[in-house]
Every structure is written in C-alpha cells, then in structure tokens.
C-alpha atoms as a PDB file:
ATOM      1  CA  UNK A   1     -98.348  78.775-111.595  1.00  0.00           C
ATOM      2  CA  UNK A   2    -101.790  78.614-110.080  1.00  0.00           C
ATOM      3  CA  UNK A   3    -104.376  76.648-112.061  1.00  0.00           C
ATOM      4  CA  UNK A   4    -108.045  77.619-112.054  1.00  0.00           C
ATOM      5  CA  UNK A   5    -111.066  76.919-114.215  1.00  0.00           C
ATOM      6  CA  UNK A   6    -113.244  79.404-116.042  1.00  0.00           C
ATOM      7  CA  UNK A   7    -115.638  81.223-113.656  1.00  0.00           C
ATOM      8  CA  UNK A   8    -113.787  79.927-110.588  1.00  0.00           C
ATOM      9  CA  UNK A   9    -113.072  82.586-107.955  1.00  0.00           C
ATOM     10  CA  UNK A  10    -109.479  83.622-107.527  1.00  0.00           C
ATOM     11  CA  UNK A  11    -108.611  84.993-104.074  1.00  0.00           C
ATOM     12  CA  UNK A  12    -105.606  87.250-103.647  1.00  0.00           C
ATOM     13  CA  UNK A  13    -103.919  88.837-100.682  1.00  0.00           C
ATOM     14  CA  UNK A  14    -101.070  91.324-100.484  1.00  0.00           C
ATOM     15  CA  UNK A  15     -99.502  92.531 -97.283  1.00  0.00           C
ATOM     16  CA  UNK A  16     -96.770  94.749 -95.977  1.00  0.00           C
ATOM     17  CA  UNK A  17     -93.960  92.961 -94.189  1.00  0.00           C
ATOM     18  CA  UNK A  18     -94.074  95.854 -91.740  1.00  0.00           C
ATOM     19  CA  UNK A  19     -97.101  95.429 -89.483  1.00  0.00           C
ATOM     20  CA  UNK A  20     -97.206  99.101 -88.490  1.00  0.00           C
ATOM     21  CA  UNK A  21    -100.886  99.746 -87.596  1.00  0.00           C
ATOM     22  CA  UNK A  22    -100.512 103.313 -88.931  1.00  0.00           C
ATOM     23  CA  UNK A  23    -100.124 102.049 -92.512  1.00  0.00           C
ATOM     24  CA  UNK A  24    -102.890 101.018 -94.899  1.00  0.00           C
ATOM     25  CA  UNK A  25    -102.672  99.114 -98.160  1.00  0.00           C
ATOM     26  CA  UNK A  26    -104.928  99.875-101.140  1.00  0.00           C
ATOM     27  CA  UNK A  27    -105.315  98.067-104.498  1.00  0.00           C
ATOM     28  CA  UNK A  28    -104.990 100.812-107.100  1.00  0.00           C
ATOM     29  CA  UNK A  29    -104.644  98.878-110.367  1.00  0.00           C
ATOM     30  CA  UNK A  30    -104.683  95.206-111.329  1.00  0.00           C
ATOM     31  CA  UNK A  31    -104.328  94.116-114.953  1.00  0.00           C
ATOM     32  CA  UNK A  32    -104.288  90.675-116.617  1.00  0.00           C
ATOM     33  CA  UNK A  33    -102.297  89.854-119.742  1.00  0.00           C
ATOM     34  CA  UNK A  34    -101.243  86.714-121.658  1.00  0.00           C
ATOM     35  CA  UNK A  35     -97.749  88.251-121.992  1.00  0.00           C
ATOM     36  CA  UNK A  36     -95.790  88.688-118.732  1.00  0.00           C
ATOM     37  CA  UNK A  37     -93.689  91.416-120.366  1.00  0.00           C
ATOM     38  CA  UNK A  38     -96.451  93.462-122.017  1.00  0.00           C
ATOM     39  CA  UNK A  39     -99.508  94.638-120.095  1.00  0.00           C
ATOM     40  CA  UNK A  40    -100.541  97.185-122.719  1.00  0.00           C
ATOM     41  CA  UNK A  41    -101.166  95.479-126.090  1.00  0.00           C
ATOM     42  CA  UNK A  42    -103.502  92.670-125.005  1.00  0.00           C
ATOM     43  CA  UNK A  43    -104.775  93.229-121.493  1.00  0.00           C
ATOM     44  CA  UNK A  44    -107.842  93.146-119.293  1.00  0.00           C
ATOM     45  CA  UNK A  45    -108.397  95.626-116.469  1.00  0.00           C
ATOM     46  CA  UNK A  46    -109.639  94.104-113.229  1.00  0.00           C
ATOM     47  CA  UNK A  47    -109.157  97.309-111.211  1.00  0.00           C
ATOM     48  CA  UNK A  48    -108.037 100.681-112.599  1.00  0.00           C
ATOM     49  CA  UNK A  49    -107.416 103.775-110.433  1.00  0.00           C
ATOM     50  CA  UNK A  50    -109.090 102.008-107.513  1.00  0.00           C
ATOM     51  CA  UNK A  51    -112.281 101.435-109.533  1.00  0.00           C
ATOM     52  CA  UNK A  52    -113.413  97.850-110.205  1.00  0.00           C
ATOM     53  CA  UNK A  53    -113.611  97.202-113.954  1.00  0.00           C
ATOM     54  CA  UNK A  54    -114.571  93.540-113.717  1.00  0.00           C
ATOM     55  CA  UNK A  55    -118.088  92.959-112.337  1.00  0.00           C
ATOM     56  CA  UNK A  56    -116.933  89.944-110.309  1.00  0.00           C
ATOM     57  CA  UNK A  57    -114.243  91.924-108.437  1.00  0.00           C
ATOM     58  CA  UNK A  58    -114.805  92.560-104.759  1.00  0.00           C
ATOM     59  CA  UNK A  59    -112.710  93.672-101.831  1.00  0.00           C
ATOM     60  CA  UNK A  60    -112.632  91.256 -98.924  1.00  0.00           C
ATOM     61  CA  UNK A  61    -112.551  92.098 -95.235  1.00  0.00           C
ATOM     62  CA  UNK A  62    -109.229  92.080 -93.424  1.00  0.00           C
ATOM     63  CA  UNK A  63    -108.827  92.755 -89.708  1.00  0.00           C
ATOM     64  CA  UNK A  64    -105.449  94.342 -90.492  1.00  0.00           C
ATOM     65  CA  UNK A  65    -105.000  97.583 -92.438  1.00  0.00           C
ATOM     66  CA  UNK A  66    -101.622  96.412 -93.797  1.00  0.00           C
ATOM     67  CA  UNK A  67    -103.377  93.577 -95.698  1.00  0.00           C
ATOM     68  CA  UNK A  68    -105.303  93.988 -98.956  1.00  0.00           C
ATOM     69  CA  UNK A  69    -107.613  91.109 -99.829  1.00  0.00           C
ATOM     70  CA  UNK A  70    -109.750  90.796-102.939  1.00  0.00           C
ATOM     71  CA  UNK A  71    -111.287  88.282-105.303  1.00  0.00           C
ATOM     72  CA  UNK A  72    -112.541  88.042-108.856  1.00  0.00           C
ATOM     73  CA  UNK A  73    -113.836  85.308-111.126  1.00  0.00           C
ATOM     74  CA  UNK A  74    -111.706  83.753-113.868  1.00  0.00           C
ATOM     75  CA  UNK A  75    -112.984  85.350-117.039  1.00  0.00           C
ATOM     76  CA  UNK A  76    -113.319  84.515-120.727  1.00  0.00           C
ATOM     77  CA  UNK A  77    -109.876  86.032-121.317  1.00  0.00           C
ATOM     78  CA  UNK A  78    -108.532  82.860-119.678  1.00  0.00           C
ATOM     79  CA  UNK A  79    -110.176  80.537-122.220  1.00  0.00           C
ATOM     80  CA  UNK A  80    -108.406  82.231-125.158  1.00  0.00           C
ATOM     81  CA  UNK A  81    -104.863  82.034-123.724  1.00  0.00           C
ATOM     82  CA  UNK A  82    -102.873  79.158-122.205  1.00  0.00           C
ATOM     83  CA  UNK A  83    -101.619  81.386-119.364  1.00  0.00           C
ATOM     84  CA  UNK A  84    -102.664  84.721-117.911  1.00  0.00           C
ATOM     85  CA  UNK A  85    -100.410  86.932-115.794  1.00  0.00           C
ATOM     86  CA  UNK A  86    -101.456  89.546-113.263  1.00  0.00           C
ATOM     87  CA  UNK A  87     -99.747  92.824-112.475  1.00  0.00           C
ATOM     88  CA  UNK A  88    -101.134  94.751-109.546  1.00  0.00           C
ATOM     89  CA  UNK A  89    -100.115  98.135-108.189  1.00  0.00           C
ATOM     90  CA  UNK A  90    -100.819  98.870-104.559  1.00  0.00           C
ATOM     91  CA  UNK A  91    -100.537 102.084-102.586  1.00  0.00           C
ATOM     92  CA  UNK A  92     -99.262 102.421 -99.024  1.00  0.00           C
ATOM     93  CA  UNK A  93    -100.790 105.266 -96.999  1.00  0.00           C
ATOM     94  CA  UNK A  94    -100.898 106.525 -93.446  1.00  0.00           C
ATOM     95  CA  UNK A  95    -104.022 104.973 -91.941  1.00  0.00           C
ATOM     96  CA  UNK A  96    -105.238 108.192 -90.291  1.00  0.00           C
ATOM     97  CA  UNK A  97    -104.746 110.430 -93.359  1.00  0.00           C
ATOM     98  CA  UNK A  98    -108.248 111.033 -94.753  1.00  0.00           C
ATOM     99  CA  UNK A  99    -106.856 112.849 -97.806  1.00  0.00           C
ATOM    100  CA  UNK A 100    -104.602 109.923 -98.780  1.00  0.00           C
ATOM    101  CA  UNK A 101    -105.017 107.849-101.929  1.00  0.00           C
ATOM    102  CA  UNK A 102    -106.219 104.928 -99.773  1.00  0.00           C
ATOM    103  CA  UNK A 103    -109.029 106.977 -98.231  1.00  0.00           C
ATOM    104  CA  UNK A 104    -110.186 108.490-101.524  1.00  0.00           C
ATOM    105  CA  UNK A 105    -110.894 105.088-103.102  1.00  0.00           C
ATOM    106  CA  UNK A 106    -112.090 104.994-106.706  1.00  0.00           C
ATOM    107  CA  UNK A 107    -110.831 107.909-108.787  1.00  0.00           C
ATOM    108  CA  UNK A 108    -113.307 108.123-111.617  1.00  0.00           C
ATOM    109  CA  UNK A 109    -112.469 110.843-114.072  1.00  0.00           C
ATOM    110  CA  UNK A 110    -114.795 113.796-114.166  1.00  0.00           C
ATOM    111  CA  UNK A 111    -116.068 114.925-117.542  1.00  0.00           C
ATOM    112  CA  UNK A 112    -114.776 118.248-118.789  1.00  0.00           C
ATOM    113  CA  UNK A 113    -117.081 120.900-120.132  1.00  0.00           C
ATOM    114  CA  UNK A 114    -116.587 121.195-123.902  1.00  0.00           C
ATOM    115  CA  UNK A 115    -117.687 124.815-123.781  1.00  0.00           C
ATOM    116  CA  UNK A 116    -119.833 126.540-126.356  1.00  0.00           C
END
C-alpha cells in the first residue's frame, strides 16, 4: 500500500521492460475503486479513452517514449473509503506510426445526428 492524504499529488510511472526506442506507451484508461475486484459498481474515472476525466490529472514529461508518467491529486473519493485501488490500461504503439492509438490521444465520442 501507498499512503497519501486528501489533495496530495500522486505520481505514477509505467514503463516497458523492453527499451526499444521504436515503441511508445500511452495511458488509455485509469479507474479508481474501493473494491479491487470490481471497477464498475463504485468507481471514479481518472482517464477514460485517453481523455482526462479528473481536473487534477496531467501527463508528465519523460525523455523516453517507453515510459508513461502522470500525476493526479487524491480526491474526495479517498475520504469515503479506507482504501482505493487503481486499474490502468496502457497501449503500446510503434513510435513512428502517426495513425496509432498513441498518436491519436483523447478519443472523445462524436455526437450522432438524431435526424429529422
């Protein structure tokens, strides 16, 4: 366990064990939950589809493309539960592929036309 106080910044880093400079790492989704086995019933989205959902979330600089670094502030969710668990999904892409999921970034849904 890692203990933090409310509104304290939490810094996270993920990396590929393979340091191939042709690979990039991208944080696609990161969700918090008081239940380590259920991230659907009671949960809080920090990042969803590459789009920050928490206003305190920010990506941090890394000199290496195979590292993903980010931070966010401990939120009110923490004060209502004795423990909070994180589940993050990351995407590995070819660094030079401009059409890859890593290059596209936030995938906000487009609204559909309801028609007449």
